[in-house]
Every structure is written in C-alpha cells, then in structure tokens.
Amino acid sequence: MPHVTDLKVVRDNLPEIIAQLSLDIDIPHEPLRLIIKNGYEEFDYVISH
C-alpha cells in the first residue's frame, strides 16, 4: 500500500471486505495469510474460512 495509507482504517474495515470477497473464494478450506504493509508498519491478517 502507499506509505500514506492509514493501516488502522484498513485493519478496521478488512473483516467486512474479506467477508464479502470470501463468498467468491472456491478453494479448499486452508488458511490464507495476507501481509498488509505501507512502508512504515505492517500487519498480518489470516483468513480461515
């Protein structure tokens, strides 16, 4: 993500966005790890649907 991106906003909204996207995920039930970075900080988000 661009370095000016507020990761707190992304982190707060990610569960809702992922819930909507996960309806279209058609893979075996395996954890999917996302690493979100902006150049200054980062966080991991694990989807295990």
Protein backbone atom coordinates (compact mmCIF):
# COMPACT_ATOMS: atom_id res chain seq x y z
CA MET A 1 0.00 0.00 0.00
CA PRO A 2 1.19 3.57 -0.45
CA HIS A 3 3.14 4.87 2.53
CA VAL A 4 0.44 7.47 3.28
CA THR A 5 -2.22 4.78 3.80
CA ASP A 6 -3.65 4.66 7.31
CA LEU A 7 -3.37 0.98 8.20
CA LYS A 8 -5.71 1.36 11.17
CA VAL A 9 -8.54 2.20 8.77
CA VAL A 10 -7.61 -0.76 6.58
CA ARG A 11 -7.37 -3.10 9.59
CA ASP A 12 -10.75 -1.92 10.91
CA ASN A 13 -12.53 -2.44 7.57
CA LEU A 14 -10.74 -5.58 6.38
CA PRO A 15 -13.00 -8.17 8.09
CA GLU A 16 -16.09 -6.76 6.36
CA ILE A 17 -14.37 -6.56 2.99
CA ILE A 18 -12.94 -10.08 3.29
CA ALA A 19 -16.36 -11.43 4.33
CA GLN A 20 -17.83 -10.10 1.09
CA LEU A 21 -14.94 -11.43 -1.02
CA SER A 22 -14.88 -14.82 0.68
CA LEU A 23 -18.23 -15.67 -0.87
CA ASP A 24 -16.38 -15.94 -4.21
CA ILE A 25 -13.42 -17.96 -2.91
CA ASP A 26 -13.71 -21.51 -4.17
CA ILE A 27 -10.61 -23.25 -2.82
CA PRO A 28 -10.15 -25.94 -0.21
CA HIS A 29 -10.52 -24.73 3.36
CA GLU A 30 -6.96 -23.69 4.06
CA PRO A 31 -5.77 -20.62 5.95
CA LEU A 32 -4.79 -17.72 3.72
CA ARG A 33 -2.35 -15.19 5.20
CA LEU A 34 -2.35 -11.60 3.99
CA ILE A 35 0.52 -9.27 4.86
CA ILE A 36 -0.51 -5.62 4.64
CA LYS A 37 2.32 -3.03 4.61
CA ASN A 38 2.60 0.67 3.97
CA GLY A 39 6.35 1.24 4.28
CA TYR A 40 6.24 2.23 7.96
CA GLU A 41 4.17 -0.50 9.57
CA GLU A 42 2.58 -3.80 8.72
CA PHE A 43 0.07 -6.30 9.99
CA ASP A 44 -0.94 -9.86 9.16
CA TYR A 45 -4.49 -10.98 8.56
CA VAL A 46 -5.35 -14.67 8.36
CA ILE A 47 -8.45 -15.90 6.61
CA SER A 48 -9.50 -19.36 7.65
CA HIS A 49 -12.91 -19.92 6.12
